[in-house]
Amino acid sequence: MNDNHLPKILIVDDEQPLQRALQAKFELSGFEVAIAVNGEAGLASALKNHPDVILLDIVMPKMDGMTMLHKLREDAWGRNAKVIFLTNLSTSEKVTEAVSNRVFDYLVKSDWKIESVVDKVRMILGIKPPTANQS
């Protein structure tokens, strides 16, 4: 990433408290954040704005996350978009489907802390975490 470019994150999730918490943490961590409340809006935003990473829920209204992912992978840019699923679904069938669609990671919401999601995104993008003496 060049120094003039804030990394862009697209959060696609219909749970507003989680959206706000993720948005606040990512913005404080130096990311530009966009929000979409369903897969339909998320797909449109992703294809228009080409975020660096997409955080995607599976169970949502209008278009679920798995459908959004399939449609995203049909696009030339979207074929290689970096996607992390953030979901409450942990069935092996869903995990297998996600992996077969080149999802970078699959995080079950009850199993992670917001800071670990930020760390995972930094790792995907090759961004070093700030040191303790940086502000």
N, C-alpha and C. Protein backbone atom coordinates (compact mmCIF):
# COMPACT_ATOMS: atom_id res chain seq x y z
N MET A 1 0.84 -1.18 0.00
CA MET A 1 0.00 0.00 0.00
C MET A 1 0.88 1.23 0.00
N ASN A 2 0.51 2.22 -0.78
CA ASN A 2 1.30 3.45 -0.72
C ASN A 2 0.83 4.30 0.45
N ASP A 3 1.67 5.25 0.86
CA ASP A 3 1.39 6.03 2.06
C ASP A 3 0.24 7.01 1.88
N ASN A 4 -0.12 7.34 0.64
CA ASN A 4 -1.20 8.30 0.40
C ASN A 4 -2.57 7.64 0.37
N HIS A 5 -2.62 6.37 0.52
CA HIS A 5 -3.86 5.62 0.35
C HIS A 5 -4.24 4.94 1.66
N LEU A 6 -5.38 5.33 2.21
CA LEU A 6 -5.90 4.60 3.36
C LEU A 6 -6.49 3.30 2.84
N PRO A 7 -6.18 2.19 3.48
CA PRO A 7 -6.79 0.93 3.03
C PRO A 7 -8.30 0.99 3.22
N LYS A 8 -9.03 0.49 2.20
CA LYS A 8 -10.50 0.55 2.22
C LYS A 8 -11.08 -0.80 2.64
N ILE A 9 -12.00 -0.73 3.61
CA ILE A 9 -12.69 -1.91 4.10
C ILE A 9 -14.18 -1.73 3.81
N LEU A 10 -14.81 -2.75 3.29
CA LEU A 10 -16.26 -2.76 3.12
C LEU A 10 -16.83 -3.76 4.10
N ILE A 11 -17.70 -3.28 4.99
CA ILE A 11 -18.37 -4.14 5.96
C ILE A 11 -19.78 -4.38 5.46
N VAL A 12 -20.12 -5.63 5.18
CA VAL A 12 -21.44 -6.00 4.69
C VAL A 12 -22.10 -6.85 5.76
N ASP A 13 -22.97 -6.22 6.55
CA ASP A 13 -23.60 -6.89 7.68
C ASP A 13 -24.85 -6.12 8.05
N ASP A 14 -25.92 -6.82 8.41
CA ASP A 14 -27.18 -6.15 8.74
C ASP A 14 -27.32 -5.87 10.24
N GLU A 15 -26.34 -6.25 11.05
CA GLU A 15 -26.40 -5.99 12.49
C GLU A 15 -25.74 -4.64 12.78
N GLN A 16 -26.57 -3.60 13.06
CA GLN A 16 -26.05 -2.26 13.24
C GLN A 16 -25.05 -2.11 14.39
N PRO A 17 -25.27 -2.72 15.56
CA PRO A 17 -24.27 -2.57 16.62
C PRO A 17 -22.89 -3.10 16.21
N LEU A 18 -22.87 -4.22 15.51
CA LEU A 18 -21.61 -4.78 15.04
C LEU A 18 -20.99 -3.87 13.98
N GLN A 19 -21.81 -3.38 13.06
CA GLN A 19 -21.31 -2.44 12.04
C GLN A 19 -20.60 -1.27 12.69
N ARG A 20 -21.29 -0.65 13.65
CA ARG A 20 -20.74 0.55 14.31
C ARG A 20 -19.44 0.23 15.05
N ALA A 21 -19.41 -0.91 15.74
CA ALA A 21 -18.20 -1.28 16.48
C ALA A 21 -17.02 -1.54 15.53
N LEU A 22 -17.27 -2.28 14.47
CA LEU A 22 -16.22 -2.55 13.49
C LEU A 22 -15.77 -1.26 12.80
N GLN A 23 -16.73 -0.43 12.41
CA GLN A 23 -16.40 0.83 11.75
C GLN A 23 -15.52 1.69 12.64
N ALA A 24 -15.90 1.85 13.89
CA ALA A 24 -15.13 2.69 14.82
C ALA A 24 -13.71 2.15 14.98
N LYS A 25 -13.58 0.85 15.17
CA LYS A 25 -12.25 0.25 15.39
C LYS A 25 -11.38 0.38 14.15
N PHE A 26 -11.95 0.12 12.97
CA PHE A 26 -11.15 0.23 11.75
C PHE A 26 -10.77 1.68 11.46
N GLU A 27 -11.68 2.61 11.68
CA GLU A 27 -11.35 4.02 11.44
C GLU A 27 -10.24 4.48 12.39
N LEU A 28 -10.32 4.09 13.66
CA LEU A 28 -9.27 4.43 14.63
C LEU A 28 -7.94 3.77 14.26
N SER A 29 -8.00 2.68 13.51
CA SER A 29 -6.80 1.95 13.10
C SER A 29 -6.28 2.41 11.75
N GLY A 30 -6.86 3.49 11.19
CA GLY A 30 -6.33 4.07 9.96
C GLY A 30 -6.91 3.52 8.67
N PHE A 31 -8.13 3.03 8.71
CA PHE A 31 -8.78 2.49 7.51
C PHE A 31 -9.93 3.40 7.09
N GLU A 32 -10.19 3.42 5.81
CA GLU A 32 -11.40 4.04 5.26
C GLU A 32 -12.47 2.95 5.27
N VAL A 33 -13.66 3.25 5.80
CA VAL A 33 -14.69 2.23 5.98
C VAL A 33 -15.97 2.59 5.23
N ALA A 34 -16.51 1.61 4.52
CA ALA A 34 -17.83 1.73 3.90
C ALA A 34 -18.70 0.63 4.50
N ILE A 35 -20.00 0.91 4.59
CA ILE A 35 -20.95 -0.02 5.19
C ILE A 35 -22.04 -0.35 4.18
N ALA A 36 -22.45 -1.61 4.16
CA ALA A 36 -23.62 -2.03 3.39
C ALA A 36 -24.44 -2.94 4.29
N VAL A 37 -25.78 -2.81 4.23
CA VAL A 37 -26.64 -3.55 5.16
C VAL A 37 -27.20 -4.85 4.59
N ASN A 38 -26.88 -5.16 3.33
CA ASN A 38 -27.31 -6.42 2.74
C ASN A 38 -26.39 -6.74 1.57
N GLY A 39 -26.50 -7.95 1.07
CA GLY A 39 -25.62 -8.38 -0.01
C GLY A 39 -25.81 -7.61 -1.30
N GLU A 40 -27.03 -7.19 -1.57
CA GLU A 40 -27.29 -6.43 -2.80
C GLU A 40 -26.52 -5.10 -2.78
N ALA A 41 -26.66 -4.37 -1.68
CA ALA A 41 -25.94 -3.10 -1.53
C ALA A 41 -24.43 -3.34 -1.44
N GLY A 42 -24.05 -4.42 -0.77
CA GLY A 42 -22.64 -4.75 -0.65
C GLY A 42 -21.99 -5.06 -1.99
N LEU A 43 -22.68 -5.81 -2.82
CA LEU A 43 -22.15 -6.14 -4.15
C LEU A 43 -21.98 -4.87 -4.98
N ALA A 44 -22.99 -4.02 -4.98
CA ALA A 44 -22.91 -2.76 -5.74
C ALA A 44 -21.74 -1.91 -5.25
N SER A 45 -21.59 -1.79 -3.95
CA SER A 45 -20.49 -1.00 -3.38
C SER A 45 -19.13 -1.61 -3.71
N ALA A 46 -19.01 -2.91 -3.59
CA ALA A 46 -17.74 -3.58 -3.88
C ALA A 46 -17.33 -3.38 -5.34
N LEU A 47 -18.28 -3.57 -6.25
CA LEU A 47 -17.95 -3.47 -7.68
C LEU A 47 -17.65 -2.03 -8.09
N LYS A 48 -18.25 -1.08 -7.40
CA LYS A 48 -18.01 0.33 -7.72
C LYS A 48 -16.72 0.85 -7.10
N ASN A 49 -16.48 0.50 -5.82
CA ASN A 49 -15.39 1.12 -5.05
C ASN A 49 -14.14 0.27 -4.87
N HIS A 50 -14.21 -1.00 -5.22
CA HIS A 50 -13.05 -1.91 -5.13
C HIS A 50 -12.31 -1.80 -3.81
N PRO A 51 -12.97 -2.15 -2.70
CA PRO A 51 -12.28 -2.09 -1.41
C PRO A 51 -11.13 -3.09 -1.36
N ASP A 52 -10.20 -2.82 -0.45
CA ASP A 52 -9.05 -3.70 -0.29
C ASP A 52 -9.45 -5.02 0.36
N VAL A 53 -10.42 -4.96 1.28
CA VAL A 53 -10.92 -6.16 1.95
C VAL A 53 -12.42 -5.99 2.17
N ILE A 54 -13.16 -7.10 2.03
CA ILE A 54 -14.60 -7.12 2.29
C ILE A 54 -14.84 -8.03 3.49
N LEU A 55 -15.50 -7.49 4.52
CA LEU A 55 -15.94 -8.28 5.66
C LEU A 55 -17.40 -8.59 5.40
N LEU A 56 -17.75 -9.85 5.29
CA LEU A 56 -19.05 -10.25 4.76
C LEU A 56 -19.79 -11.22 5.68
N ASP A 57 -21.00 -10.84 6.07
CA ASP A 57 -21.87 -11.73 6.83
C ASP A 57 -22.56 -12.66 5.83
N ILE A 58 -23.04 -13.80 6.30
CA ILE A 58 -23.74 -14.72 5.41
C ILE A 58 -25.25 -14.49 5.46
N VAL A 59 -25.83 -14.43 6.66
CA VAL A 59 -27.28 -14.33 6.79
C VAL A 59 -27.68 -12.85 6.81
N MET A 60 -28.29 -12.40 5.70
CA MET A 60 -28.73 -11.01 5.56
C MET A 60 -29.97 -10.95 4.68
N PRO A 61 -30.71 -9.85 4.78
CA PRO A 61 -31.88 -9.68 3.90
C PRO A 61 -31.47 -9.33 2.47
N LYS A 62 -32.41 -9.42 1.56
CA LYS A 62 -32.30 -9.09 0.13
C LYS A 62 -31.38 -10.03 -0.64
N MET A 63 -30.12 -10.13 -0.20
CA MET A 63 -29.18 -11.06 -0.83
C MET A 63 -28.24 -11.53 0.27
N ASP A 64 -28.15 -12.84 0.48
CA ASP A 64 -27.27 -13.33 1.53
C ASP A 64 -25.81 -13.23 1.09
N GLY A 65 -24.92 -13.41 2.04
CA GLY A 65 -23.50 -13.25 1.76
C GLY A 65 -22.94 -14.25 0.79
N MET A 66 -23.42 -15.49 0.83
CA MET A 66 -22.91 -16.50 -0.09
C MET A 66 -23.30 -16.16 -1.53
N THR A 67 -24.54 -15.68 -1.72
CA THR A 67 -24.97 -15.26 -3.06
C THR A 67 -24.14 -14.07 -3.52
N MET A 68 -23.92 -13.11 -2.62
CA MET A 68 -23.09 -11.96 -2.97
C MET A 68 -21.71 -12.41 -3.39
N LEU A 69 -21.13 -13.35 -2.65
CA LEU A 69 -19.80 -13.84 -2.98
C LEU A 69 -19.77 -14.49 -4.36
N HIS A 70 -20.77 -15.32 -4.67
CA HIS A 70 -20.83 -15.96 -5.99
C HIS A 70 -20.90 -14.91 -7.09
N LYS A 71 -21.73 -13.88 -6.91
CA LYS A 71 -21.86 -12.83 -7.92
C LYS A 71 -20.58 -12.00 -8.01
N LEU A 72 -19.95 -11.75 -6.87
CA LEU A 72 -18.69 -11.01 -6.86
C LEU A 72 -17.63 -11.74 -7.66
N ARG A 73 -17.56 -13.07 -7.51
CA ARG A 73 -16.55 -13.86 -8.20
C ARG A 73 -16.79 -13.94 -9.71
N GLU A 74 -17.97 -13.53 -10.19
CA GLU A 74 -18.26 -13.49 -11.63
C GLU A 74 -17.65 -12.26 -12.30
N ASP A 75 -17.28 -11.27 -11.50
CA ASP A 75 -16.72 -10.02 -12.02
C ASP A 75 -15.20 -10.14 -12.15
N ALA A 76 -14.63 -9.47 -13.15
CA ALA A 76 -13.18 -9.55 -13.37
C ALA A 76 -12.41 -9.06 -12.14
N TRP A 77 -12.80 -7.92 -11.57
CA TRP A 77 -12.13 -7.44 -10.36
C TRP A 77 -12.48 -8.34 -9.17
N GLY A 78 -13.76 -8.67 -9.03
CA GLY A 78 -14.25 -9.41 -7.88
C GLY A 78 -13.71 -10.82 -7.77
N ARG A 79 -13.24 -11.36 -8.87
CA ARG A 79 -12.70 -12.72 -8.87
C ARG A 79 -11.59 -12.88 -7.84
N ASN A 80 -10.81 -11.80 -7.65
CA ASN A 80 -9.67 -11.86 -6.74
C ASN A 80 -9.82 -10.97 -5.52
N ALA A 81 -11.01 -10.46 -5.28
CA ALA A 81 -11.24 -9.60 -4.12
C ALA A 81 -10.98 -10.38 -2.83
N LYS A 82 -10.40 -9.72 -1.86
CA LYS A 82 -10.11 -10.35 -0.57
C LYS A 82 -11.36 -10.28 0.30
N VAL A 83 -11.87 -11.44 0.69
CA VAL A 83 -13.11 -11.53 1.47
C VAL A 83 -12.86 -12.33 2.74
N ILE A 84 -13.39 -11.80 3.85
CA ILE A 84 -13.41 -12.53 5.11
C ILE A 84 -14.86 -12.66 5.52
N PHE A 85 -15.32 -13.88 5.75
CA PHE A 85 -16.67 -14.07 6.27
C PHE A 85 -16.67 -13.84 7.77
N LEU A 86 -17.62 -13.04 8.24
CA LEU A 86 -17.89 -12.84 9.66
C LEU A 86 -19.33 -13.30 9.85
N THR A 87 -19.52 -14.40 10.53
CA THR A 87 -20.86 -14.98 10.56
C THR A 87 -21.12 -15.74 11.85
N ASN A 88 -22.37 -16.04 12.09
CA ASN A 88 -22.74 -16.91 13.20
C ASN A 88 -22.83 -18.36 12.76
N LEU A 89 -22.76 -18.62 11.47
CA LEU A 89 -22.87 -19.98 10.95
C LEU A 89 -21.51 -20.67 10.98
N SER A 90 -21.46 -21.83 11.59
CA SER A 90 -20.18 -22.53 11.66
C SER A 90 -20.27 -23.96 11.13
N THR A 91 -21.31 -24.25 10.35
CA THR A 91 -21.45 -25.61 9.83
C THR A 91 -20.34 -25.90 8.82
N SER A 92 -19.91 -27.14 8.78
CA SER A 92 -18.81 -27.51 7.88
C SER A 92 -19.20 -27.28 6.43
N GLU A 93 -20.49 -27.41 6.11
CA GLU A 93 -20.95 -27.19 4.73
C GLU A 93 -20.69 -25.74 4.30
N LYS A 94 -21.01 -24.78 5.18
CA LYS A 94 -20.80 -23.36 4.86
C LYS A 94 -19.31 -23.04 4.78
N VAL A 95 -18.52 -23.59 5.69
CA VAL A 95 -17.09 -23.35 5.66
C VAL A 95 -16.49 -23.90 4.36
N THR A 96 -16.90 -25.10 3.97
CA THR A 96 -16.41 -25.72 2.73
C THR A 96 -16.79 -24.87 1.52
N GLU A 97 -18.04 -24.39 1.48
CA GLU A 97 -18.48 -23.55 0.36
C GLU A 97 -17.68 -22.25 0.32
N ALA A 98 -17.43 -21.66 1.47
CA ALA A 98 -16.66 -20.42 1.53
C ALA A 98 -15.24 -20.65 1.01
N VAL A 99 -14.61 -21.71 1.46
CA VAL A 99 -13.24 -22.01 1.04
C VAL A 99 -13.18 -22.29 -0.46
N SER A 100 -14.18 -22.96 -0.99
CA SER A 100 -14.19 -23.26 -2.43
C SER A 100 -14.36 -22.00 -3.27
N ASN A 101 -14.82 -20.91 -2.64
CA ASN A 101 -14.97 -19.62 -3.34
C ASN A 101 -13.85 -18.65 -2.97
N ARG A 102 -12.73 -19.18 -2.54
CA ARG A 102 -11.54 -18.41 -2.26
C ARG A 102 -11.77 -17.29 -1.24
N VAL A 103 -12.42 -17.64 -0.13
CA VAL A 103 -12.56 -16.70 0.96
C VAL A 103 -11.27 -16.77 1.77
N PHE A 104 -10.73 -15.62 2.13
CA PHE A 104 -9.45 -15.60 2.83
C PHE A 104 -9.56 -16.21 4.21
N ASP A 105 -10.67 -15.94 4.90
CA ASP A 105 -10.86 -16.52 6.22
C ASP A 105 -12.35 -16.58 6.53
N TYR A 106 -12.68 -17.36 7.53
CA TYR A 106 -14.06 -17.60 7.94
C TYR A 106 -14.08 -17.49 9.45
N LEU A 107 -14.59 -16.37 9.97
CA LEU A 107 -14.58 -16.12 11.40
C LEU A 107 -15.99 -16.21 11.96
N VAL A 108 -16.17 -17.05 12.96
CA VAL A 108 -17.47 -17.17 13.63
C VAL A 108 -17.54 -16.05 14.66
N LYS A 109 -18.60 -15.24 14.58
CA LYS A 109 -18.70 -14.02 15.39
C LYS A 109 -18.46 -14.23 16.87
N SER A 110 -18.94 -15.32 17.42
CA SER A 110 -18.80 -15.55 18.86
C SER A 110 -17.37 -15.95 19.24
N ASP A 111 -16.50 -16.21 18.26
CA ASP A 111 -15.16 -16.71 18.54
C ASP A 111 -14.05 -15.67 18.43
N TRP A 112 -14.36 -14.42 18.15
CA TRP A 112 -13.29 -13.46 17.92
C TRP A 112 -13.57 -12.12 18.58
N LYS A 113 -12.50 -11.35 18.72
CA LYS A 113 -12.58 -9.97 19.23
C LYS A 113 -12.32 -9.04 18.05
N ILE A 114 -12.85 -7.83 18.13
CA ILE A 114 -12.71 -6.87 17.02
C ILE A 114 -11.23 -6.61 16.70
N GLU A 115 -10.41 -6.50 17.71
CA GLU A 115 -8.98 -6.24 17.47
C GLU A 115 -8.35 -7.36 16.64
N SER A 116 -8.79 -8.60 16.85
CA SER A 116 -8.22 -9.70 16.07
C SER A 116 -8.66 -9.63 14.61
N VAL A 117 -9.84 -9.07 14.34
CA VAL A 117 -10.28 -8.87 12.95
C VAL A 117 -9.41 -7.81 12.29
N VAL A 118 -9.13 -6.73 13.00
CA VAL A 118 -8.25 -5.68 12.47
C VAL A 118 -6.87 -6.28 12.18
N ASP A 119 -6.35 -7.08 13.11
CA ASP A 119 -5.04 -7.72 12.90
C ASP A 119 -5.06 -8.64 11.68
N LYS A 120 -6.14 -9.39 11.50
CA LYS A 120 -6.27 -10.29 10.35
C LYS A 120 -6.26 -9.49 9.04
N VAL A 121 -6.98 -8.37 9.01
CA VAL A 121 -7.02 -7.53 7.81
C VAL A 121 -5.64 -6.94 7.54
N ARG A 122 -4.98 -6.47 8.58
CA ARG A 122 -3.62 -5.94 8.39
C ARG A 122 -2.72 -7.02 7.79
N MET A 123 -2.83 -8.25 8.29
CA MET A 123 -2.01 -9.34 7.80
C MET A 123 -2.29 -9.60 6.31
N ILE A 124 -3.57 -9.64 5.94
CA ILE A 124 -3.96 -9.87 4.54
C ILE A 124 -3.34 -8.82 3.63
N LEU A 125 -3.34 -7.57 4.11
CA LEU A 125 -2.87 -6.46 3.29
C LEU A 125 -1.37 -6.19 3.43
N GLY A 126 -0.71 -6.94 4.32
CA GLY A 126 0.72 -6.74 4.51
C GLY A 126 1.03 -5.45 5.24
N ILE A 127 0.14 -5.01 6.11
CA ILE A 127 0.34 -3.78 6.88
C ILE A 127 0.84 -4.18 8.27
N LYS A 128 1.97 -3.60 8.65
CA LYS A 128 2.50 -3.88 9.98
C LYS A 128 1.65 -3.16 11.02
N PRO A 129 1.38 -3.79 12.16
CA PRO A 129 0.65 -3.09 13.22
C PRO A 129 1.51 -1.96 13.76
N PRO A 130 0.87 -0.89 14.24
CA PRO A 130 1.65 0.22 14.79
C PRO A 130 2.43 -0.24 16.02
N THR A 131 3.59 0.35 16.22
CA THR A 131 4.38 0.03 17.42
C THR A 131 3.85 0.85 18.57
N ALA A 132 4.21 0.48 19.78
CA ALA A 132 3.68 1.12 20.98
C ALA A 132 4.02 2.61 21.05
N ASN A 133 5.14 3.03 20.44
CA ASN A 133 5.49 4.44 20.52
C ASN A 133 4.97 5.29 19.37
N GLN A 134 4.18 4.68 18.46
CA GLN A 134 3.51 5.45 17.40
C GLN A 134 2.18 5.93 17.91
N SER A 135 1.73 7.09 17.42
CA SER A 135 0.41 7.56 17.86
C SER A 135 -0.63 7.27 16.84
